[in-house]
Amino acid sequence: MSPEFAIGSKVTVIALPPYVKTADPMPMLRPPDVISIGEEGVIIDRRPGGYWVIRFTKGKFLLDSQYIQSIDPESNLPGGESQE
């Protein structure tokens, strides 16, 4: 199961894919070094297949949820437990 992120939440890159795809109307493949591990971005949109549109300083890219992690404090509960 892929993690869910809220639109507008901040994420960080935890691993680089073999390539990245731009989120332009006519997408293009780019080498993975256009972003770096630890770079922060903002979730803009969700796409089918677990892909997220993320705005970074160098543009908007599509990344699979396995390559990103949330850094918003409200999404991280102490002890990793959910509130009930």
N, C-alpha and C. Protein backbone atom coordinates (compact mmCIF):
# COMPACT_ATOMS: atom_id res chain seq x y z
N MET A 1 0.85 -1.18 0.00
CA MET A 1 0.00 0.00 0.00
C MET A 1 0.89 1.24 0.00
N SER A 2 0.61 2.17 -0.89
CA SER A 2 1.42 3.37 -0.96
C SER A 2 0.90 4.42 0.02
N PRO A 3 1.82 5.21 0.59
CA PRO A 3 1.39 6.23 1.55
C PRO A 3 0.59 7.33 0.87
N GLU A 4 -0.28 7.95 1.63
CA GLU A 4 -1.09 9.06 1.13
C GLU A 4 -0.51 10.37 1.65
N PHE A 5 -0.55 11.39 0.83
CA PHE A 5 -0.08 12.71 1.18
C PHE A 5 -1.19 13.71 0.90
N ALA A 6 -1.27 14.75 1.69
CA ALA A 6 -2.26 15.79 1.46
C ALA A 6 -1.71 16.78 0.43
N ILE A 7 -2.59 17.28 -0.43
CA ILE A 7 -2.19 18.30 -1.39
C ILE A 7 -1.71 19.53 -0.61
N GLY A 8 -0.56 20.05 -0.97
CA GLY A 8 0.02 21.19 -0.27
C GLY A 8 1.00 20.80 0.82
N SER A 9 1.11 19.50 1.13
CA SER A 9 2.04 19.09 2.18
C SER A 9 3.47 19.06 1.64
N LYS A 10 4.42 19.22 2.54
CA LYS A 10 5.83 19.21 2.17
C LYS A 10 6.37 17.79 2.27
N VAL A 11 7.20 17.43 1.29
CA VAL A 11 7.83 16.12 1.26
C VAL A 11 9.32 16.29 0.98
N THR A 12 10.07 15.25 1.27
CA THR A 12 11.49 15.22 0.96
C THR A 12 11.80 13.96 0.15
N VAL A 13 12.80 14.05 -0.70
CA VAL A 13 13.20 12.91 -1.52
C VAL A 13 14.09 12.00 -0.67
N ILE A 14 13.71 10.71 -0.57
CA ILE A 14 14.49 9.77 0.24
C ILE A 14 15.29 8.79 -0.62
N ALA A 15 14.98 8.71 -1.92
CA ALA A 15 15.73 7.87 -2.86
C ALA A 15 15.49 8.44 -4.26
N LEU A 16 16.43 8.19 -5.16
CA LEU A 16 16.29 8.68 -6.53
C LEU A 16 15.84 7.56 -7.46
N PRO A 17 14.87 7.84 -8.31
CA PRO A 17 14.47 6.85 -9.31
C PRO A 17 15.50 6.80 -10.44
N PRO A 18 15.40 5.82 -11.34
CA PRO A 18 16.35 5.75 -12.46
C PRO A 18 16.25 6.96 -13.39
N TYR A 19 15.08 7.59 -13.44
CA TYR A 19 14.85 8.80 -14.21
C TYR A 19 13.67 9.51 -13.58
N VAL A 20 13.47 10.78 -13.89
CA VAL A 20 12.30 11.51 -13.41
C VAL A 20 11.53 12.02 -14.62
N LYS A 21 10.23 12.12 -14.46
CA LYS A 21 9.36 12.58 -15.53
C LYS A 21 8.82 13.95 -15.15
N THR A 22 8.89 14.89 -16.08
CA THR A 22 8.36 16.22 -15.81
C THR A 22 6.83 16.14 -15.76
N ALA A 23 6.22 17.07 -15.07
CA ALA A 23 4.76 17.11 -14.95
C ALA A 23 4.18 18.16 -15.89
N ASP A 24 4.84 18.38 -17.01
CA ASP A 24 4.39 19.35 -18.01
C ASP A 24 3.26 18.75 -18.84
N PRO A 25 2.53 19.59 -19.60
CA PRO A 25 1.49 19.05 -20.49
C PRO A 25 2.05 18.01 -21.48
N MET A 26 3.30 18.20 -21.90
CA MET A 26 3.98 17.20 -22.71
C MET A 26 5.18 16.70 -21.89
N PRO A 27 4.98 15.64 -21.08
CA PRO A 27 6.03 15.18 -20.17
C PRO A 27 7.28 14.71 -20.90
N MET A 28 8.42 14.91 -20.24
CA MET A 28 9.71 14.46 -20.76
C MET A 28 10.46 13.75 -19.65
N LEU A 29 11.28 12.78 -20.03
CA LEU A 29 12.12 12.10 -19.07
C LEU A 29 13.40 12.89 -18.87
N ARG A 30 13.82 13.00 -17.63
CA ARG A 30 15.05 13.72 -17.28
C ARG A 30 15.93 12.80 -16.47
N PRO A 31 17.24 13.05 -16.46
CA PRO A 31 18.13 12.25 -15.60
C PRO A 31 17.79 12.52 -14.13
N PRO A 32 18.08 11.57 -13.25
CA PRO A 32 17.70 11.73 -11.85
C PRO A 32 18.44 12.85 -11.12
N ASP A 33 19.53 13.37 -11.69
CA ASP A 33 20.28 14.41 -10.98
C ASP A 33 19.65 15.79 -11.06
N VAL A 34 18.46 15.93 -11.67
CA VAL A 34 17.77 17.23 -11.62
C VAL A 34 17.20 17.48 -10.23
N ILE A 35 17.03 16.42 -9.45
CA ILE A 35 16.67 16.54 -8.03
C ILE A 35 17.71 15.78 -7.24
N SER A 36 17.76 16.01 -5.94
CA SER A 36 18.75 15.30 -5.12
C SER A 36 18.09 14.74 -3.87
N ILE A 37 18.72 13.75 -3.29
CA ILE A 37 18.21 13.16 -2.06
C ILE A 37 18.23 14.24 -0.98
N GLY A 38 17.14 14.37 -0.26
CA GLY A 38 17.01 15.38 0.77
C GLY A 38 16.37 16.67 0.29
N GLU A 39 16.18 16.80 -1.02
CA GLU A 39 15.53 18.00 -1.54
C GLU A 39 14.06 18.01 -1.14
N GLU A 40 13.58 19.20 -0.77
CA GLU A 40 12.20 19.35 -0.33
C GLU A 40 11.33 19.91 -1.44
N GLY A 41 10.08 19.47 -1.47
CA GLY A 41 9.13 19.94 -2.45
C GLY A 41 7.73 19.96 -1.85
N VAL A 42 6.77 20.43 -2.63
CA VAL A 42 5.39 20.55 -2.19
C VAL A 42 4.51 19.71 -3.12
N ILE A 43 3.63 18.91 -2.52
CA ILE A 43 2.69 18.09 -3.30
C ILE A 43 1.68 19.02 -3.98
N ILE A 44 1.56 18.88 -5.28
CA ILE A 44 0.65 19.71 -6.07
C ILE A 44 -0.60 18.92 -6.48
N ASP A 45 -0.41 17.64 -6.84
CA ASP A 45 -1.52 16.84 -7.37
C ASP A 45 -1.20 15.37 -7.22
N ARG A 46 -2.24 14.54 -7.33
CA ARG A 46 -2.08 13.09 -7.32
C ARG A 46 -2.42 12.56 -8.69
N ARG A 47 -1.64 11.59 -9.16
CA ARG A 47 -1.89 10.96 -10.44
C ARG A 47 -2.11 9.47 -10.22
N PRO A 48 -2.76 8.79 -11.16
CA PRO A 48 -3.00 7.35 -11.01
C PRO A 48 -1.70 6.57 -10.86
N GLY A 49 -1.78 5.44 -10.19
CA GLY A 49 -0.62 4.56 -10.05
C GLY A 49 0.31 4.92 -8.91
N GLY A 50 -0.13 5.74 -7.97
CA GLY A 50 0.71 6.10 -6.84
C GLY A 50 1.72 7.20 -7.14
N TYR A 51 1.52 7.94 -8.24
CA TYR A 51 2.42 9.03 -8.59
C TYR A 51 1.91 10.36 -8.06
N TRP A 52 2.83 11.22 -7.71
CA TRP A 52 2.51 12.54 -7.15
C TRP A 52 3.22 13.60 -7.96
N VAL A 53 2.53 14.71 -8.20
CA VAL A 53 3.15 15.88 -8.83
C VAL A 53 3.74 16.71 -7.70
N ILE A 54 5.04 16.94 -7.75
CA ILE A 54 5.74 17.65 -6.69
C ILE A 54 6.48 18.83 -7.30
N ARG A 55 6.30 20.01 -6.69
CA ARG A 55 7.01 21.21 -7.15
C ARG A 55 8.32 21.32 -6.39
N PHE A 56 9.42 21.28 -7.14
CA PHE A 56 10.76 21.49 -6.59
C PHE A 56 11.28 22.82 -7.14
N THR A 57 12.47 23.22 -6.73
CA THR A 57 13.03 24.48 -7.20
C THR A 57 13.29 24.46 -8.71
N LYS A 58 13.58 23.28 -9.27
CA LYS A 58 13.88 23.18 -10.70
C LYS A 58 12.67 22.82 -11.56
N GLY A 59 11.49 22.78 -10.96
CA GLY A 59 10.29 22.48 -11.75
C GLY A 59 9.38 21.48 -11.06
N LYS A 60 8.35 21.04 -11.80
CA LYS A 60 7.39 20.07 -11.27
C LYS A 60 7.70 18.71 -11.89
N PHE A 61 7.75 17.69 -11.02
CA PHE A 61 8.09 16.35 -11.48
C PHE A 61 7.11 15.33 -10.90
N LEU A 62 6.96 14.21 -11.60
CA LEU A 62 6.15 13.09 -11.13
C LEU A 62 7.06 12.11 -10.41
N LEU A 63 6.73 11.78 -9.17
CA LEU A 63 7.50 10.80 -8.43
C LEU A 63 6.56 9.78 -7.80
N ASP A 64 7.00 8.54 -7.79
CA ASP A 64 6.27 7.47 -7.12
C ASP A 64 6.39 7.69 -5.62
N SER A 65 5.39 7.27 -4.88
CA SER A 65 5.38 7.50 -3.44
C SER A 65 6.51 6.78 -2.71
N GLN A 66 7.14 5.77 -3.31
CA GLN A 66 8.25 5.09 -2.65
C GLN A 66 9.52 5.95 -2.56
N TYR A 67 9.58 7.03 -3.34
CA TYR A 67 10.76 7.89 -3.37
C TYR A 67 10.65 9.13 -2.49
N ILE A 68 9.50 9.33 -1.85
CA ILE A 68 9.29 10.54 -1.06
C ILE A 68 8.77 10.20 0.33
N GLN A 69 8.96 11.15 1.24
CA GLN A 69 8.51 11.00 2.63
C GLN A 69 8.01 12.36 3.10
N SER A 70 6.92 12.34 3.87
CA SER A 70 6.35 13.58 4.38
C SER A 70 7.26 14.20 5.44
N ILE A 71 7.33 15.54 5.42
CA ILE A 71 8.08 16.24 6.46
C ILE A 71 7.21 17.21 7.23
N ASP A 72 5.89 17.18 6.96
CA ASP A 72 4.96 18.03 7.71
C ASP A 72 4.82 17.51 9.13
N PRO A 73 4.97 18.38 10.14
CA PRO A 73 4.91 17.91 11.53
C PRO A 73 3.55 17.33 11.90
N GLU A 74 2.45 17.82 11.34
CA GLU A 74 1.14 17.30 11.72
C GLU A 74 0.90 15.89 11.19
N SER A 75 1.68 15.44 10.20
CA SER A 75 1.49 14.09 9.70
C SER A 75 2.32 13.07 10.47
N ASN A 76 3.21 13.53 11.33
CA ASN A 76 4.04 12.63 12.13
C ASN A 76 3.56 12.64 13.58
N LEU A 77 2.87 11.58 13.96
CA LEU A 77 2.38 11.48 15.32
C LEU A 77 3.47 10.85 16.19
N PRO A 78 3.57 11.24 17.47
CA PRO A 78 4.58 10.65 18.34
C PRO A 78 4.41 9.14 18.46
N GLY A 79 5.50 8.43 18.41
CA GLY A 79 5.45 6.98 18.57
C GLY A 79 4.94 6.25 17.35
N GLY A 80 4.60 6.97 16.29
CA GLY A 80 4.12 6.34 15.07
C GLY A 80 2.75 5.72 15.19
N GLU A 81 2.00 6.08 16.22
CA GLU A 81 0.69 5.51 16.43
C GLU A 81 -0.39 6.45 15.95
N SER A 82 -1.50 5.89 15.52
CA SER A 82 -2.62 6.72 15.09
C SER A 82 -3.52 7.03 16.26
N GLN A 83 -4.20 8.17 16.19
CA GLN A 83 -5.13 8.55 17.25
C GLN A 83 -6.47 7.88 16.98
N GLU A 84 -7.12 7.39 18.04
CA GLU A 84 -8.43 6.75 17.90
C GLU A 84 -9.39 7.34 18.88
